[in-house]
N, C-alpha and C. Protein backbone atom coordinates (compact mmCIF):
# COMPACT_ATOMS: atom_id res chain seq x y z
N MET A 1 108.71 130.94 166.14
CA MET A 1 108.41 129.56 166.03
C MET A 1 109.04 128.97 164.81
N LEU A 2 109.78 127.83 164.97
CA LEU A 2 110.51 127.27 163.87
C LEU A 2 109.46 126.45 162.96
N CYS A 3 109.72 126.44 161.64
CA CYS A 3 108.91 125.72 160.76
C CYS A 3 109.29 124.22 160.92
N PRO A 4 108.37 123.27 160.45
CA PRO A 4 108.68 121.90 160.58
C PRO A 4 109.94 121.46 159.91
N ILE A 5 110.34 122.04 158.87
CA ILE A 5 111.60 121.66 158.04
C ILE A 5 112.76 122.10 158.95
N ALA A 6 112.77 123.25 159.53
CA ALA A 6 113.83 123.78 160.32
C ALA A 6 114.00 122.91 161.55
N THR A 7 112.86 122.49 162.18
CA THR A 7 112.87 121.69 163.31
C THR A 7 113.47 120.33 162.93
N CYS A 8 113.10 119.83 161.83
CA CYS A 8 113.75 118.52 161.38
C CYS A 8 115.13 118.66 161.19
N TRP A 9 115.67 119.70 160.63
CA TRP A 9 117.15 119.81 160.50
C TRP A 9 117.83 119.93 161.78
N ARG A 10 117.26 120.69 162.72
CA ARG A 10 117.91 120.79 164.05
C ARG A 10 117.94 119.44 164.74
N ARG A 11 116.92 118.68 164.59
CA ARG A 11 116.91 117.35 165.19
C ARG A 11 117.90 116.39 164.59
N LEU A 12 118.00 116.50 163.25
CA LEU A 12 118.92 115.65 162.50
C LEU A 12 120.43 116.01 162.93
N THR A 13 120.68 117.32 163.11
CA THR A 13 122.04 117.64 163.41
C THR A 13 122.30 117.19 164.83
N GLN A 14 121.32 117.25 165.70
CA GLN A 14 121.55 116.76 167.06
C GLN A 14 121.81 115.31 167.14
N VAL A 15 121.13 114.56 166.28
CA VAL A 15 121.26 113.08 166.26
C VAL A 15 122.59 112.63 165.66
N VAL A 16 123.00 113.24 164.52
CA VAL A 16 124.18 112.83 163.88
C VAL A 16 125.43 113.60 164.31
N GLY A 17 125.15 114.71 165.06
CA GLY A 17 126.24 115.52 165.53
C GLY A 17 127.09 116.20 164.48
N ASP A 18 126.54 116.40 163.37
CA ASP A 18 127.26 117.00 162.14
C ASP A 18 126.31 117.81 161.38
N ARG A 19 126.49 119.15 161.29
CA ARG A 19 125.58 119.98 160.64
C ARG A 19 125.66 119.78 159.15
N THR A 20 126.83 119.43 158.55
CA THR A 20 126.86 119.19 157.11
C THR A 20 126.11 117.86 156.82
N MET A 21 126.28 116.86 157.61
CA MET A 21 125.58 115.60 157.42
C MET A 21 124.05 115.84 157.57
N GLY A 22 123.61 116.64 158.51
CA GLY A 22 122.17 116.97 158.66
C GLY A 22 121.65 117.62 157.35
N ALA A 23 122.43 118.51 156.86
CA ALA A 23 122.07 119.16 155.55
C ALA A 23 122.01 118.20 154.37
N ARG A 24 122.95 117.28 154.43
CA ARG A 24 123.02 116.26 153.36
C ARG A 24 121.78 115.33 153.38
N ILE A 25 121.34 115.04 154.58
CA ILE A 25 120.20 114.15 154.75
C ILE A 25 118.92 114.83 154.18
N LEU A 26 118.81 116.15 154.46
CA LEU A 26 117.73 116.98 153.96
C LEU A 26 117.78 117.02 152.44
N ALA A 27 118.95 117.17 151.90
CA ALA A 27 119.12 117.18 150.37
C ALA A 27 118.63 115.83 149.81
N ASN A 28 119.02 114.77 150.47
CA ASN A 28 118.59 113.37 150.02
C ASN A 28 117.11 113.25 150.05
N MET A 29 116.50 113.86 151.14
CA MET A 29 115.06 113.74 151.28
C MET A 29 114.40 114.64 150.18
N SER A 30 115.03 115.80 149.85
CA SER A 30 114.49 116.60 148.76
C SER A 30 114.60 115.86 147.45
N HIS A 31 115.59 115.14 147.19
CA HIS A 31 115.81 114.43 145.93
C HIS A 31 114.74 113.36 145.79
N GLN A 32 114.48 112.69 146.88
CA GLN A 32 113.39 111.71 146.87
C GLN A 32 112.00 112.27 146.69
N ALA A 33 111.70 113.37 147.36
CA ALA A 33 110.46 114.05 147.16
C ALA A 33 110.31 114.47 145.70
N ASN A 34 111.39 114.97 145.13
CA ASN A 34 111.34 115.47 143.72
C ASN A 34 110.98 114.32 142.84
N TYR A 35 111.67 113.10 143.10
CA TYR A 35 111.46 111.90 142.30
C TYR A 35 109.99 111.47 142.34
N LEU A 36 109.38 111.62 143.51
CA LEU A 36 107.99 111.32 143.74
C LEU A 36 106.93 112.39 143.16
N GLY A 37 107.52 113.49 142.59
CA GLY A 37 106.62 114.55 142.05
C GLY A 37 106.20 115.54 143.01
N GLN A 38 106.72 115.57 144.23
CA GLN A 38 106.37 116.53 145.33
C GLN A 38 107.22 117.68 145.29
N ALA A 39 106.96 118.53 144.25
CA ALA A 39 107.91 119.69 144.11
C ALA A 39 107.92 120.63 145.28
N GLY A 40 106.79 120.92 145.80
CA GLY A 40 106.76 121.91 147.02
C GLY A 40 107.55 121.37 148.16
N ARG A 41 107.35 120.14 148.54
CA ARG A 41 108.07 119.50 149.66
C ARG A 41 109.53 119.47 149.24
N ALA A 42 109.93 119.07 148.08
CA ALA A 42 111.31 118.95 147.66
C ALA A 42 111.89 120.35 147.75
N LEU A 43 111.25 121.40 147.42
CA LEU A 43 111.86 122.76 147.43
C LEU A 43 112.08 123.18 148.95
N MET A 44 111.10 122.93 149.77
CA MET A 44 111.33 123.29 151.23
C MET A 44 112.52 122.53 151.79
N LEU A 45 112.63 121.21 151.47
CA LEU A 45 113.74 120.43 152.03
C LEU A 45 115.05 120.82 151.47
N ALA A 46 115.10 121.24 150.20
CA ALA A 46 116.35 121.70 149.59
C ALA A 46 116.76 122.98 150.22
N ARG A 47 115.83 123.87 150.34
CA ARG A 47 116.22 125.20 150.84
C ARG A 47 116.64 125.11 152.29
N ALA A 48 116.04 124.18 153.12
CA ALA A 48 116.51 123.92 154.38
C ALA A 48 117.99 123.35 154.46
N SER A 49 118.26 122.56 153.38
CA SER A 49 119.58 121.97 153.26
C SER A 49 120.53 123.09 152.94
N VAL A 50 120.18 123.99 152.08
CA VAL A 50 121.12 125.06 151.65
C VAL A 50 121.28 126.01 152.88
N GLU A 51 120.30 126.32 153.61
CA GLU A 51 120.41 127.13 154.81
C GLU A 51 121.25 126.44 155.88
N GLY A 52 120.99 125.20 156.07
CA GLY A 52 121.62 124.38 157.10
C GLY A 52 123.12 124.29 156.87
N GLY A 53 123.59 124.20 155.58
CA GLY A 53 124.92 124.00 155.27
C GLY A 53 125.75 125.31 155.16
N LYS A 54 125.10 126.43 155.41
CA LYS A 54 125.82 127.72 155.13
C LYS A 54 127.07 127.85 155.95
N GLU A 55 126.98 127.59 157.28
CA GLU A 55 128.01 127.81 158.21
C GLU A 55 129.13 126.78 158.21
N ALA A 56 128.78 125.51 158.07
CA ALA A 56 129.79 124.47 158.22
C ALA A 56 130.26 123.81 157.09
N ALA A 57 129.42 123.75 155.94
CA ALA A 57 129.70 122.90 154.87
C ALA A 57 130.82 123.50 153.99
N THR A 58 131.55 122.52 153.29
CA THR A 58 132.53 122.90 152.34
C THR A 58 131.88 123.38 151.06
N PRO A 59 132.66 124.07 150.16
CA PRO A 59 132.11 124.56 148.95
C PRO A 59 131.54 123.34 148.12
N ARG A 60 132.17 122.26 148.13
CA ARG A 60 131.67 121.03 147.38
C ARG A 60 130.30 120.66 147.86
N ALA A 61 130.10 120.56 149.18
CA ALA A 61 128.86 120.18 149.83
C ALA A 61 127.81 121.31 149.53
N ARG A 62 128.20 122.55 149.53
CA ARG A 62 127.17 123.58 149.21
C ARG A 62 126.80 123.57 147.77
N ALA A 63 127.78 123.09 146.87
CA ALA A 63 127.46 122.96 145.42
C ALA A 63 126.33 121.91 145.35
N LEU A 64 126.48 120.80 146.06
CA LEU A 64 125.50 119.68 146.03
C LEU A 64 124.10 120.20 146.54
N PHE A 65 124.12 120.91 147.63
CA PHE A 65 122.83 121.49 148.22
C PHE A 65 122.09 122.37 147.19
N SER A 66 122.84 123.26 146.58
CA SER A 66 122.33 124.22 145.67
C SER A 66 121.81 123.44 144.44
N ALA A 67 122.53 122.47 143.98
CA ALA A 67 122.05 121.71 142.74
C ALA A 67 120.68 121.01 143.05
N HIS A 68 120.48 120.47 144.31
CA HIS A 68 119.20 119.93 144.62
C HIS A 68 118.15 120.95 144.66
N GLU A 69 118.43 122.11 145.11
CA GLU A 69 117.47 123.19 145.09
C GLU A 69 117.19 123.51 143.66
N ALA A 70 118.13 123.54 142.74
CA ALA A 70 117.82 123.78 141.45
C ALA A 70 116.93 122.73 140.81
N ARG A 71 117.17 121.43 141.23
CA ARG A 71 116.28 120.39 140.63
C ARG A 71 114.84 120.65 141.11
N ALA A 72 114.59 121.00 142.38
CA ALA A 72 113.27 121.16 142.80
C ALA A 72 112.64 122.37 142.11
N LEU A 73 113.34 123.43 141.92
CA LEU A 73 112.80 124.65 141.19
C LEU A 73 112.54 124.31 139.82
N SER A 74 113.34 123.51 139.21
CA SER A 74 113.05 123.05 137.76
C SER A 74 111.74 122.28 137.67
N THR A 75 111.56 121.39 138.61
CA THR A 75 110.32 120.65 138.62
C THR A 75 109.10 121.55 138.78
N ALA A 76 109.34 122.64 139.60
CA ALA A 76 108.32 123.63 139.92
C ALA A 76 108.10 124.63 138.70
N GLN A 77 108.95 124.44 137.71
CA GLN A 77 108.96 125.29 136.51
C GLN A 77 109.27 126.81 136.77
N ASP A 78 110.19 127.00 137.80
CA ASP A 78 110.64 128.25 138.12
C ASP A 78 112.01 128.58 137.40
N ARG A 79 111.99 129.00 136.22
CA ARG A 79 113.22 129.20 135.44
C ARG A 79 114.22 130.13 136.13
N THR A 80 113.71 131.22 136.60
CA THR A 80 114.63 132.24 137.23
C THR A 80 115.18 131.64 138.53
N GLY A 81 114.44 131.03 139.30
CA GLY A 81 114.95 130.54 140.51
C GLY A 81 115.96 129.32 140.24
N ALA A 82 115.66 128.49 139.28
CA ALA A 82 116.50 127.31 138.89
C ALA A 82 117.85 127.90 138.32
N ALA A 83 117.83 128.86 137.52
CA ALA A 83 119.05 129.46 136.92
C ALA A 83 119.89 130.04 138.12
N ARG A 84 119.26 130.74 139.03
CA ARG A 84 119.99 131.29 140.17
C ARG A 84 120.68 130.20 141.01
N ALA A 85 119.89 129.08 141.26
CA ALA A 85 120.49 128.03 142.06
C ALA A 85 121.58 127.27 141.29
N MET A 86 121.43 127.05 140.00
CA MET A 86 122.52 126.42 139.24
C MET A 86 123.77 127.32 139.25
N ASN A 87 123.55 128.59 139.11
CA ASN A 87 124.70 129.48 139.11
C ASN A 87 125.47 129.46 140.49
N GLU A 88 124.72 129.31 141.55
CA GLU A 88 125.28 129.23 142.86
C GLU A 88 126.02 127.88 142.95
N ALA A 89 125.45 126.79 142.55
CA ALA A 89 126.08 125.53 142.63
C ALA A 89 127.40 125.54 141.85
N GLU A 90 127.39 126.14 140.66
CA GLU A 90 128.57 126.21 139.81
C GLU A 90 129.68 126.96 140.51
N LYS A 91 129.34 128.15 141.12
CA LYS A 91 130.27 129.01 141.75
C LYS A 91 130.89 128.28 142.93
N PHE A 92 130.02 127.51 143.81
CA PHE A 92 130.64 126.68 144.80
C PHE A 92 131.60 125.68 144.38
N PHE A 93 131.17 124.97 143.28
CA PHE A 93 131.91 123.88 142.80
C PHE A 93 133.29 124.34 142.31
N GLU A 94 133.37 125.55 141.80
CA GLU A 94 134.64 126.14 141.34
C GLU A 94 135.66 126.40 142.42
N ARG A 95 135.12 126.40 143.64
CA ARG A 95 135.94 126.62 144.89
C ARG A 95 136.19 125.31 145.58
N ALA A 96 135.72 124.17 145.04
CA ALA A 96 135.87 122.96 145.79
C ALA A 96 137.11 122.36 145.95
N ASP A 97 138.03 122.46 144.93
CA ASP A 97 139.39 121.81 145.16
C ASP A 97 140.10 122.36 146.27
N GLY A 98 140.76 121.43 147.08
CA GLY A 98 141.49 121.88 148.09
C GLY A 98 140.84 121.93 149.48
N ALA A 99 139.51 121.85 149.43
CA ALA A 99 138.80 121.86 150.66
C ALA A 99 138.80 120.45 151.37
N ASP A 100 138.69 120.38 152.67
CA ASP A 100 138.79 119.15 153.36
C ASP A 100 137.29 118.53 153.46
N ASP A 101 136.99 117.89 152.33
CA ASP A 101 135.63 117.37 152.29
C ASP A 101 135.44 116.08 153.00
N PRO A 102 134.24 115.83 153.49
CA PRO A 102 134.09 114.56 154.20
C PRO A 102 134.06 113.42 153.13
N GLU A 103 134.43 112.23 153.56
CA GLU A 103 134.56 111.10 152.60
C GLU A 103 133.37 110.77 151.82
N TRP A 104 132.09 110.98 152.53
CA TRP A 104 130.94 110.58 151.78
C TRP A 104 130.60 111.52 150.60
N LEU A 105 131.35 112.62 150.44
CA LEU A 105 131.11 113.52 149.41
C LEU A 105 131.94 113.36 148.23
N SER A 106 132.79 112.29 148.22
CA SER A 106 133.73 112.01 147.10
C SER A 106 133.07 111.83 145.73
N TYR A 107 131.77 111.42 145.71
CA TYR A 107 131.10 111.21 144.45
C TYR A 107 130.70 112.52 143.81
N MET A 108 130.71 113.60 144.49
CA MET A 108 130.27 114.90 143.98
C MET A 108 131.36 115.55 143.12
N ASP A 109 131.49 115.07 141.89
CA ASP A 109 132.44 115.56 140.92
C ASP A 109 131.77 116.32 139.82
N GLU A 110 132.51 116.73 138.78
CA GLU A 110 131.85 117.46 137.65
C GLU A 110 130.85 116.66 136.99
N ALA A 111 131.04 115.42 136.79
CA ALA A 111 130.03 114.57 136.17
C ALA A 111 128.74 114.61 136.90
N GLU A 112 128.78 114.48 138.19
CA GLU A 112 127.59 114.60 139.03
C GLU A 112 126.93 115.89 138.82
N LEU A 113 127.66 116.99 138.86
CA LEU A 113 127.07 118.35 138.67
C LEU A 113 126.38 118.44 137.33
N MET A 114 127.06 118.00 136.31
CA MET A 114 126.56 118.09 134.94
C MET A 114 125.24 117.29 134.80
N GLY A 115 125.20 116.10 135.61
CA GLY A 115 124.08 115.28 135.55
C GLY A 115 122.82 115.99 136.20
N GLU A 116 123.10 116.67 137.35
CA GLU A 116 122.01 117.38 137.96
C GLU A 116 121.55 118.51 137.02
N PHE A 117 122.43 119.22 136.41
CA PHE A 117 122.01 120.35 135.52
C PHE A 117 121.30 119.84 134.28
N CYS A 118 121.65 118.74 133.70
CA CYS A 118 120.93 118.25 132.55
C CYS A 118 119.51 117.88 132.92
N HIS A 119 119.34 117.32 134.07
CA HIS A 119 117.94 117.08 134.54
C HIS A 119 117.09 118.42 134.65
N CYS A 120 117.80 119.45 135.19
CA CYS A 120 117.07 120.63 135.34
C CYS A 120 116.63 121.27 134.00
N PHE A 121 117.52 121.26 133.06
CA PHE A 121 117.24 121.83 131.77
C PHE A 121 116.12 120.98 131.05
N ARG A 122 116.24 119.65 131.26
CA ARG A 122 115.27 118.89 130.64
C ARG A 122 113.87 119.14 131.12
N ASP A 123 113.79 119.22 132.50
CA ASP A 123 112.46 119.61 133.16
C ASP A 123 111.98 120.91 132.78
N LEU A 124 112.85 121.80 132.50
CA LEU A 124 112.43 123.21 132.17
C LEU A 124 112.14 123.23 130.67
N GLY A 125 112.34 122.19 129.81
CA GLY A 125 112.19 122.21 128.48
C GLY A 125 113.08 123.03 127.65
N GLN A 126 114.29 123.31 128.18
CA GLN A 126 115.34 124.06 127.48
C GLN A 126 116.19 123.13 126.70
N ARG A 127 115.80 122.84 125.49
CA ARG A 127 116.39 121.73 124.66
C ARG A 127 117.93 121.91 124.47
N ALA A 128 118.35 123.05 124.06
CA ALA A 128 119.79 123.17 123.71
C ALA A 128 120.67 122.96 124.94
N GLU A 129 120.23 123.49 126.06
CA GLU A 129 121.06 123.36 127.32
C GLU A 129 120.94 121.90 127.80
N ALA A 130 119.74 121.30 127.73
CA ALA A 130 119.62 119.94 128.19
C ALA A 130 120.53 119.07 127.32
N LEU A 131 120.59 119.25 126.04
CA LEU A 131 121.47 118.45 125.20
C LEU A 131 122.94 118.59 125.57
N ARG A 132 123.31 119.84 125.76
CA ARG A 132 124.74 120.11 125.99
C ARG A 132 125.23 119.54 127.39
N PHE A 133 124.37 119.68 128.36
CA PHE A 133 124.83 119.24 129.74
C PHE A 133 124.65 117.66 129.81
N ALA A 134 123.73 117.07 129.04
CA ALA A 134 123.54 115.75 129.09
C ALA A 134 124.71 115.03 128.41
N ARG A 135 125.13 115.61 127.27
CA ARG A 135 126.29 115.09 126.57
C ARG A 135 127.48 115.14 127.44
N ARG A 136 127.68 116.23 128.06
CA ARG A 136 128.86 116.40 129.01
C ARG A 136 128.80 115.40 130.18
N ALA A 137 127.65 115.13 130.71
CA ALA A 137 127.49 114.27 131.79
C ALA A 137 127.84 112.83 131.40
N VAL A 138 127.33 112.43 130.20
CA VAL A 138 127.67 111.11 129.64
C VAL A 138 129.13 110.94 129.40
N GLU A 139 129.78 112.05 128.86
CA GLU A 139 131.26 111.97 128.61
C GLU A 139 132.04 111.78 129.85
N LEU A 140 131.56 112.41 130.95
CA LEU A 140 132.37 112.48 132.15
C LEU A 140 132.08 111.34 133.13
N THR A 141 130.96 110.65 133.01
CA THR A 141 130.62 109.65 133.99
C THR A 141 131.42 108.37 133.67
N ASP A 142 132.08 107.90 134.78
CA ASP A 142 132.81 106.63 134.78
C ASP A 142 131.83 105.46 134.53
N PRO A 143 132.11 104.68 133.50
CA PRO A 143 131.17 103.49 133.13
C PRO A 143 131.03 102.54 134.29
N LYS A 144 131.86 102.54 135.34
CA LYS A 144 131.65 101.63 136.39
C LYS A 144 130.44 102.08 137.21
N TYR A 145 130.00 103.30 137.02
CA TYR A 145 128.71 103.67 137.72
C TYR A 145 127.55 103.51 136.64
N ALA A 146 127.24 102.26 136.51
CA ALA A 146 126.29 101.93 135.43
C ALA A 146 125.01 102.58 135.52
N ARG A 147 124.32 102.71 136.65
CA ARG A 147 123.20 103.30 136.88
C ARG A 147 123.21 104.75 136.51
N THR A 148 124.23 105.51 137.02
CA THR A 148 124.34 106.94 136.85
C THR A 148 124.47 107.21 135.36
N LEU A 149 125.32 106.38 134.72
CA LEU A 149 125.56 106.61 133.26
C LEU A 149 124.25 106.39 132.55
N GLY A 150 123.55 105.26 132.83
CA GLY A 150 122.23 104.99 132.17
C GLY A 150 121.28 106.05 132.33
N LEU A 151 121.19 106.65 133.53
CA LEU A 151 120.23 107.78 133.72
C LEU A 151 120.62 108.94 132.92
N CYS A 152 121.96 109.32 132.84
CA CYS A 152 122.36 110.44 132.06
C CYS A 152 122.09 110.14 130.52
N ARG A 153 122.22 108.91 130.13
CA ARG A 153 121.98 108.63 128.66
C ARG A 153 120.43 108.77 128.41
N LEU A 154 119.69 108.40 129.34
CA LEU A 154 118.23 108.56 129.13
C LEU A 154 117.74 110.00 129.10
N VAL A 155 118.44 110.83 129.90
CA VAL A 155 118.12 112.25 129.86
C VAL A 155 118.60 112.82 128.57
N LEU A 156 119.73 112.36 128.09
CA LEU A 156 120.28 112.77 126.76
C LEU A 156 119.27 112.34 125.68
N ALA A 157 118.73 111.11 125.83
CA ALA A 157 117.79 110.61 124.79
C ALA A 157 116.43 111.51 124.78
N GLN A 158 116.01 111.79 126.04
CA GLN A 158 114.82 112.70 126.09
C GLN A 158 115.13 114.06 125.49
N SER A 159 116.36 114.57 125.64
CA SER A 159 116.72 115.86 125.20
C SER A 159 116.90 115.84 123.67
N GLN A 160 117.37 114.66 123.14
CA GLN A 160 117.42 114.53 121.70
C GLN A 160 116.00 114.42 121.09
N LEU A 161 115.09 113.71 121.79
CA LEU A 161 113.74 113.64 121.34
C LEU A 161 113.02 115.03 121.36
N MET A 162 113.26 115.86 122.42
CA MET A 162 112.76 117.24 122.46
C MET A 162 113.22 118.02 121.24
N SER A 163 114.43 117.72 120.74
CA SER A 163 115.04 118.46 119.67
C SER A 163 114.66 117.94 118.33
N GLY A 164 113.76 116.87 118.33
CA GLY A 164 113.31 116.35 117.06
C GLY A 164 114.15 115.30 116.41
N ASP A 165 115.18 114.85 117.10
CA ASP A 165 116.11 113.81 116.57
C ASP A 165 115.70 112.46 116.99
N LEU A 166 114.68 111.85 116.43
CA LEU A 166 114.06 110.62 116.93
C LEU A 166 115.11 109.48 116.85
N GLU A 167 115.72 109.32 115.81
CA GLU A 167 116.69 108.15 115.63
C GLU A 167 117.85 108.30 116.61
N ALA A 168 118.38 109.42 116.72
CA ALA A 168 119.50 109.55 117.74
C ALA A 168 118.91 109.32 119.13
N ALA A 169 117.71 109.74 119.43
CA ALA A 169 117.22 109.55 120.83
C ALA A 169 117.02 108.09 121.06
N VAL A 170 116.48 107.33 120.14
CA VAL A 170 116.23 105.91 120.37
C VAL A 170 117.54 105.12 120.42
N ALA A 171 118.52 105.60 119.60
CA ALA A 171 119.85 104.90 119.68
C ALA A 171 120.52 105.20 121.05
N THR A 172 120.41 106.35 121.57
CA THR A 172 120.94 106.58 122.89
C THR A 172 120.25 105.73 123.97
N ALA A 173 118.94 105.77 123.93
CA ALA A 173 118.19 105.02 124.90
C ALA A 173 118.44 103.56 124.84
N ALA A 174 118.67 103.01 123.65
CA ALA A 174 119.04 101.55 123.35
C ALA A 174 120.27 101.28 124.07
N LEU A 175 121.36 102.21 123.96
CA LEU A 175 122.64 102.05 124.47
C LEU A 175 122.53 101.96 126.06
N ALA A 176 121.61 102.79 126.66
CA ALA A 176 121.42 102.73 128.05
C ALA A 176 120.80 101.42 128.50
N VAL A 177 119.81 100.93 127.79
CA VAL A 177 119.15 99.63 128.17
C VAL A 177 120.16 98.44 127.98
N GLU A 178 121.06 98.62 127.00
CA GLU A 178 121.98 97.63 126.73
C GLU A 178 122.84 97.27 127.96
N ALA A 179 123.14 98.25 128.81
CA ALA A 179 123.92 97.95 130.02
C ALA A 179 122.92 97.43 131.06
N GLY A 180 122.75 96.15 131.09
CA GLY A 180 121.75 95.42 131.82
C GLY A 180 121.74 95.64 133.36
N ASP A 181 122.94 95.90 133.85
CA ASP A 181 123.08 96.13 135.37
C ASP A 181 122.25 97.23 135.86
N ALA A 182 122.02 98.20 135.12
CA ALA A 182 121.24 99.35 135.65
C ALA A 182 119.77 98.99 135.78
N LEU A 183 119.31 98.03 135.06
CA LEU A 183 117.89 97.66 135.08
C LEU A 183 117.47 97.10 136.47
N GLN A 184 118.47 96.87 137.33
CA GLN A 184 118.13 96.51 138.70
C GLN A 184 117.58 97.65 139.53
N SER A 185 117.79 98.84 139.05
CA SER A 185 117.35 100.04 139.70
C SER A 185 115.90 100.44 139.38
N ALA A 186 115.01 100.58 140.34
CA ALA A 186 113.60 101.04 140.00
C ALA A 186 113.62 102.32 139.35
N ARG A 187 114.45 103.25 139.76
CA ARG A 187 114.51 104.60 139.18
C ARG A 187 114.87 104.49 137.72
N PHE A 188 115.88 103.67 137.36
CA PHE A 188 116.31 103.52 135.97
C PHE A 188 115.12 102.92 135.19
N ARG A 189 114.48 101.93 135.76
CA ARG A 189 113.31 101.38 134.96
C ARG A 189 112.27 102.37 134.79
N ARG A 190 112.08 103.26 135.68
CA ARG A 190 111.07 104.28 135.45
C ARG A 190 111.48 105.24 134.40
N TYR A 191 112.77 105.62 134.36
CA TYR A 191 113.31 106.43 133.29
C TYR A 191 113.07 105.79 131.86
N VAL A 192 113.37 104.45 131.84
CA VAL A 192 113.13 103.74 130.58
C VAL A 192 111.63 103.75 130.20
N GLY A 193 110.78 103.56 131.09
CA GLY A 193 109.28 103.55 130.92
C GLY A 193 108.87 104.88 130.43
N ASP A 194 109.39 105.99 131.10
CA ASP A 194 109.01 107.33 130.67
C ASP A 194 109.44 107.61 129.22
N PHE A 195 110.69 107.22 128.88
CA PHE A 195 111.11 107.43 127.48
C PHE A 195 110.31 106.61 126.54
N HIS A 196 109.95 105.38 126.96
CA HIS A 196 109.21 104.51 126.03
C HIS A 196 107.84 105.14 125.78
N ARG A 197 107.28 105.64 126.73
CA ARG A 197 105.94 106.30 126.57
C ARG A 197 106.04 107.54 125.63
N GLU A 198 107.16 108.32 125.80
CA GLU A 198 107.35 109.45 125.01
C GLU A 198 107.51 109.17 123.47
N VAL A 199 108.12 108.01 123.19
CA VAL A 199 108.31 107.71 121.79
C VAL A 199 107.14 106.96 121.23
N SER A 200 106.17 106.59 122.01
CA SER A 200 104.97 105.82 121.59
C SER A 200 104.26 106.37 120.48
N ALA A 201 104.40 107.71 120.35
CA ALA A 201 103.68 108.49 119.28
C ALA A 201 104.29 108.13 117.88
N HIS A 202 105.53 107.51 117.91
CA HIS A 202 106.15 107.04 116.69
C HIS A 202 106.30 105.53 116.70
N ALA A 203 105.25 104.82 117.16
CA ALA A 203 105.33 103.43 117.37
C ALA A 203 105.49 102.56 116.08
N THR A 204 105.20 103.18 114.98
CA THR A 204 105.38 102.51 113.68
C THR A 204 106.79 102.63 113.12
N HIS A 205 107.58 103.43 113.73
CA HIS A 205 108.92 103.75 113.16
C HIS A 205 109.77 102.47 113.52
N PRO A 206 110.50 102.00 112.52
CA PRO A 206 111.33 100.80 112.78
C PRO A 206 112.25 100.85 113.91
N ALA A 207 112.86 102.01 114.11
CA ALA A 207 113.88 102.18 115.26
C ALA A 207 113.10 102.03 116.56
N VAL A 208 111.90 102.61 116.66
CA VAL A 208 111.08 102.56 117.85
C VAL A 208 110.66 101.15 118.04
N GLN A 209 110.29 100.41 117.04
CA GLN A 209 109.83 99.06 117.18
C GLN A 209 110.98 98.17 117.66
N ARG A 210 112.20 98.44 117.18
CA ARG A 210 113.32 97.64 117.67
C ARG A 210 113.66 97.99 119.09
N PHE A 211 113.48 99.25 119.45
CA PHE A 211 113.67 99.59 120.87
C PHE A 211 112.70 98.96 121.82
N SER A 212 111.41 98.93 121.38
CA SER A 212 110.38 98.29 122.15
C SER A 212 110.66 96.90 122.42
N GLY A 213 111.16 96.19 121.38
CA GLY A 213 111.58 94.79 121.53
C GLY A 213 112.70 94.64 122.48
N GLN A 214 113.60 95.48 122.38
CA GLN A 214 114.78 95.45 123.29
C GLN A 214 114.45 95.61 124.66
N VAL A 215 113.50 96.54 125.00
CA VAL A 215 112.96 96.72 126.38
C VAL A 215 112.27 95.50 126.81
N ARG A 216 111.36 94.93 126.03
CA ARG A 216 110.62 93.79 126.46
C ARG A 216 111.59 92.62 126.77
N ASP A 217 112.57 92.33 125.90
CA ASP A 217 113.58 91.28 126.19
C ASP A 217 114.38 91.56 127.43
N ALA A 218 114.76 92.80 127.64
CA ALA A 218 115.56 93.12 128.85
C ALA A 218 114.63 92.85 130.14
N MET A 219 113.48 93.36 130.07
CA MET A 219 112.61 93.12 131.32
C MET A 219 112.34 91.65 131.52
N SER A 220 112.13 90.95 130.41
CA SER A 220 111.90 89.49 130.56
C SER A 220 113.07 88.81 131.16
N ARG A 221 114.24 89.08 130.66
CA ARG A 221 115.42 88.46 131.28
C ARG A 221 115.56 88.74 132.71
N MET A 222 115.24 90.05 133.12
CA MET A 222 115.38 90.44 134.48
C MET A 222 114.32 89.65 135.33
N GLY A 223 113.16 89.42 134.82
CA GLY A 223 112.13 88.62 135.46
C GLY A 223 112.54 87.18 135.65
N ASP A 224 113.29 86.65 134.70
CA ASP A 224 113.66 85.26 134.81
C ASP A 224 114.81 85.03 135.87
N GLU A 225 115.45 86.10 136.23
CA GLU A 225 116.59 85.90 137.18
C GLU A 225 116.18 85.63 138.57
């Protein structure tokens, strides 16, 4: 008897007529479940995506699916599993060039992979690795992708805060908020709110006070539009 996730994948592939696309949809569902804090469901969906993409997906697609599995495992605080999934994603990505990838996969570049990894290390509380990968993600992300760059900057800010560098963390977060276009994203606003709460323990620090004012002003401007 098929499990509900496997049945879902089979139905998806029947509807779209594309096994790789079916696996991608499951990966996207895993990503959303992870965002909502549903680690168990995110992991089931991600693993179904990985399994579903085994036979037909290109190495770049399989890197994406393994990266989403790593994200779910990181949320679940499974360090061993997350390390294994990240290693698999990295190995698949190394073989990505030259493959005949579908057009929808063009966004899956090194910046995207580094962005997924820095989220993993942040969630696992691995400060040094979170800093290293977040810095790399920020360096590689094209500024035209304002939301993605803003999210990576906020993960970098959280990583800097975990490392005890309050002023650097606030400066990085302020730079993210400064790019106002990203504030249209509910996910980005949540990241801003999460970071703001994390620095609230230092509410009397001048840099934190300036950042709080910046956030209030940015949100107010958005509300006036």
